[in-house]
Amino acid sequence: HPYMTAYVIYGMSLAREAGYDINENVFDNGLNNLKNQISNAKPDIDETTLSYMIYSLSEALKETTVKRSAFDEEINILLRKDLGSYPLSLIAIALKNMQQDQKAKEVVAKLKKQVSEEKSFAFWGGEEWHYQWQNDNVQGTAFAVKALLNIEGNSDLISKAINWLMKKKQGYSWRSTQETSI
């Protein structure tokens, strides 16, 4: 499954980055599988899943000499679509990880046009409650914050988005383990 492969590679990348030993053979096989899945993605794959796959791969390879043009075709196809905040955020971070800073800034500019901003709060669209992660407003806002921090640094917009995210918290967590982990 494309999402699960990306999710496992992302988790292994975080573990490796934190200094934990991982099975390098499993990691390398997973990376190769993820690369193949991205290159051979079906035309009807949803944009958020494909963006997450590219993001996960870029996180796994960001400390290596990733070719700047790795998956440019897939990214350009995605960017020609009317993407929501979640996939735009994922692509922006992936571009930054691939040292394509100018293109990452252009994607962040698109992302900032989608924000809903109030006096003390800011958030990015998505649905309030649903059964699919691809259009979650909490996850979309969290990744928008991550993209803005990685590419532009701190700003009032980030503070407002964090205020909104904290308002969405339910006790010690958010609605799901996935929202909470982000």
Protein backbone atom coordinates (compact mmCIF):
# COMPACT_ATOMS: atom_id res chain seq x y z
CA HIS A 1 0.00 0.00 0.00
CA PRO A 2 1.54 3.34 -1.06
CA TYR A 3 0.66 5.28 2.08
CA MET A 4 1.82 2.55 4.47
CA THR A 5 5.15 2.16 2.67
CA ALA A 6 5.72 5.91 2.96
CA TYR A 7 4.60 5.92 6.59
CA VAL A 8 7.01 3.11 7.56
CA ILE A 9 9.92 4.74 5.72
CA TYR A 10 9.15 8.04 7.44
CA GLY A 11 9.09 6.32 10.85
CA MET A 12 12.34 4.49 10.16
CA SER A 13 13.90 7.79 9.02
CA LEU A 14 12.92 9.47 12.28
CA ALA A 15 14.28 6.55 14.30
CA ARG A 16 17.56 6.62 12.38
CA GLU A 17 17.82 10.41 12.77
CA ALA A 18 17.28 10.03 16.54
CA GLY A 19 20.22 7.61 16.71
CA TYR A 20 18.38 4.30 16.88
CA ASP A 21 19.69 1.29 15.02
CA ILE A 22 17.45 0.24 12.17
CA ASN A 23 17.69 -2.70 9.83
CA GLU A 24 19.43 -1.03 6.88
CA ASN A 25 18.47 -3.84 4.50
CA VAL A 26 14.76 -3.39 5.32
CA PHE A 27 15.15 0.39 5.04
CA ASP A 28 16.90 0.21 1.66
CA ASN A 29 14.33 -2.25 0.30
CA GLY A 30 11.55 0.03 1.52
CA LEU A 31 13.20 3.07 -0.09
CA ASN A 32 13.51 1.27 -3.42
CA ASN A 33 9.90 0.14 -3.18
CA LEU A 34 8.75 3.68 -2.38
CA LYS A 35 10.73 5.12 -5.31
CA ASN A 36 9.13 2.57 -7.64
CA GLN A 37 5.66 3.29 -6.30
CA ILE A 38 6.14 7.03 -6.88
CA SER A 39 7.52 6.53 -10.39
CA ASN A 40 4.73 4.10 -11.28
CA ALA A 41 1.87 5.75 -9.41
CA LYS A 42 -1.51 5.17 -10.96
CA PRO A 43 -3.11 8.26 -12.51
CA ASP A 44 -6.03 8.05 -10.07
CA ILE A 45 -3.92 8.12 -6.88
CA ASP A 46 -5.07 10.96 -4.67
CA GLU A 47 -2.81 14.00 -4.55
CA THR A 48 -2.27 13.95 -0.79
CA THR A 49 -1.09 10.34 -0.78
CA LEU A 50 1.36 10.95 -3.63
CA SER A 51 2.58 14.16 -1.97
CA TYR A 52 3.08 12.27 1.29
CA MET A 53 5.05 9.58 -0.53
CA ILE A 54 7.36 12.21 -2.05
CA TYR A 55 7.67 13.98 1.32
CA SER A 56 8.54 10.73 3.10
CA LEU A 57 11.17 9.88 0.51
CA SER A 58 12.68 13.37 0.77
CA GLU A 59 12.86 13.06 4.56
CA ALA A 60 14.61 9.69 4.25
CA LEU A 61 17.14 11.05 1.79
CA LYS A 62 17.63 14.64 3.01
CA GLU A 63 21.02 13.90 4.58
CA THR A 64 22.24 12.27 1.38
CA THR A 65 23.12 13.70 -1.99
CA VAL A 66 19.60 13.56 -3.39
CA LYS A 67 19.46 14.68 -6.97
CA ARG A 68 17.67 18.00 -7.13
CA SER A 69 15.63 16.72 -10.03
CA ALA A 70 14.46 13.58 -8.23
CA PHE A 71 10.75 13.24 -8.96
CA ASP A 72 10.48 16.70 -10.56
CA GLU A 73 8.01 15.35 -13.10
CA GLU A 74 5.67 14.01 -10.42
CA ILE A 75 5.97 17.22 -8.39
CA ASN A 76 5.28 19.41 -11.43
CA ILE A 77 2.21 17.37 -12.33
CA LEU A 78 0.92 17.78 -8.79
CA LEU A 79 1.61 21.52 -8.77
CA ARG A 80 -0.48 21.99 -11.92
CA LYS A 81 -3.50 20.76 -9.97
CA ASP A 82 -5.70 22.68 -7.57
CA LEU A 83 -4.10 21.31 -4.41
CA GLY A 84 -5.24 21.84 -0.86
CA SER A 85 -3.04 22.93 2.00
CA TYR A 86 -1.97 19.46 3.10
CA PRO A 87 -0.38 18.32 -0.20
CA LEU A 88 1.05 21.81 -0.84
CA SER A 89 2.74 21.72 2.58
CA LEU A 90 4.15 18.26 1.96
CA ILE A 91 5.52 19.27 -1.45
CA ALA A 92 7.03 22.49 -0.08
CA ILE A 93 8.94 20.57 2.61
CA ALA A 94 10.03 17.92 0.10
CA LEU A 95 11.38 20.62 -2.22
CA LYS A 96 13.29 22.18 0.68
CA ASN A 97 14.72 18.75 1.55
CA MET A 98 15.84 18.41 -2.09
CA GLN A 99 17.61 21.80 -1.93
CA GLN A 100 15.08 23.42 -4.29
CA ASP A 101 14.65 26.44 -2.04
CA GLN A 102 13.23 28.87 -4.59
CA LYS A 103 10.58 26.43 -5.76
CA ALA A 104 9.74 25.64 -2.11
CA LYS A 105 9.18 29.38 -1.50
CA GLU A 106 6.86 29.55 -4.51
CA VAL A 107 4.79 26.66 -3.12
CA VAL A 108 4.64 28.33 0.31
CA ALA A 109 3.35 31.49 -1.39
CA LYS A 110 0.48 29.40 -2.83
CA LEU A 111 -0.09 27.86 0.57
CA LYS A 112 -0.34 31.26 2.28
CA LYS A 113 -3.09 32.27 -0.16
CA GLN A 114 -5.24 29.45 1.22
CA VAL A 115 -5.12 30.44 4.88
CA SER A 116 -8.23 31.47 6.77
CA GLU A 117 -7.07 34.13 9.17
CA GLU A 118 -8.85 35.80 12.06
CA LYS A 119 -7.62 38.15 14.75
CA SER A 120 -6.00 35.47 16.93
CA PHE A 121 -6.29 32.34 14.81
CA ALA A 122 -5.23 31.01 11.42
CA PHE A 123 -5.94 27.66 9.83
CA TRP A 124 -5.93 25.91 6.53
CA GLY A 125 -8.94 24.22 5.00
CA GLY A 126 -10.07 20.70 5.15
CA GLU A 127 -12.97 18.99 6.74
CA GLU A 128 -13.88 19.21 10.39
CA TRP A 129 -14.70 15.51 10.73
CA HIS A 130 -14.38 12.71 8.20
CA TYR A 131 -13.01 9.21 7.83
CA GLN A 132 -10.08 9.92 5.53
CA TRP A 133 -6.85 11.59 6.57
CA GLN A 134 -6.23 13.24 3.19
CA ASN A 135 -8.42 16.27 3.89
CA ASP A 136 -8.01 16.79 7.63
CA ASN A 137 -7.91 20.45 8.67
CA VAL A 138 -5.82 19.76 11.81
CA GLN A 139 -3.19 17.78 9.91
CA GLY A 140 -3.26 20.27 7.03
CA THR A 141 -2.72 23.18 9.40
CA ALA A 142 0.02 21.34 11.31
CA PHE A 143 1.92 20.60 8.11
CA ALA A 144 1.39 24.17 6.88
CA VAL A 145 3.06 25.37 10.11
CA LYS A 146 5.91 22.92 9.54
CA ALA A 147 6.34 24.10 5.93
CA LEU A 148 6.31 27.79 6.90
CA LEU A 149 8.83 27.23 9.70
CA ASN A 150 11.15 25.18 7.46
CA ILE A 151 11.04 27.58 4.55
CA GLU A 152 10.35 31.08 5.91
CA GLY A 153 11.03 30.91 9.62
CA ASN A 154 8.80 32.21 12.39
CA SER A 155 5.94 34.66 11.82
CA ASP A 156 2.68 35.92 13.32
CA LEU A 157 0.83 33.57 10.99
CA ILE A 158 2.54 30.58 12.62
CA SER A 159 1.61 31.82 16.10
CA LYS A 160 -2.01 32.20 15.03
CA ALA A 161 -2.02 28.70 13.50
CA ILE A 162 -0.57 27.21 16.69
CA ASN A 163 -3.31 29.00 18.67
CA TRP A 164 -5.90 27.40 16.37
CA LEU A 165 -4.30 23.96 16.71
CA MET A 166 -4.29 24.25 20.49
CA LYS A 167 -7.98 25.23 20.40
CA LYS A 168 -8.68 21.97 18.52
CA LYS A 169 -6.96 19.85 21.15
CA GLN A 170 -9.29 17.61 23.15
CA GLY A 171 -7.80 17.13 26.60
CA TYR A 172 -4.27 15.80 26.19
CA SER A 173 -4.58 14.96 22.52
CA TRP A 174 -6.42 15.63 19.29
CA ARG A 175 -9.14 13.47 17.67
CA SER A 176 -6.82 10.73 16.45
CA THR A 177 -3.38 9.31 17.04
CA GLN A 178 -2.38 10.56 13.60
CA GLU A 179 -3.42 14.16 14.40
CA THR A 180 -1.67 13.94 17.77
CA SER A 181 1.57 12.57 16.32
CA ILE A 182 1.92 15.35 13.80
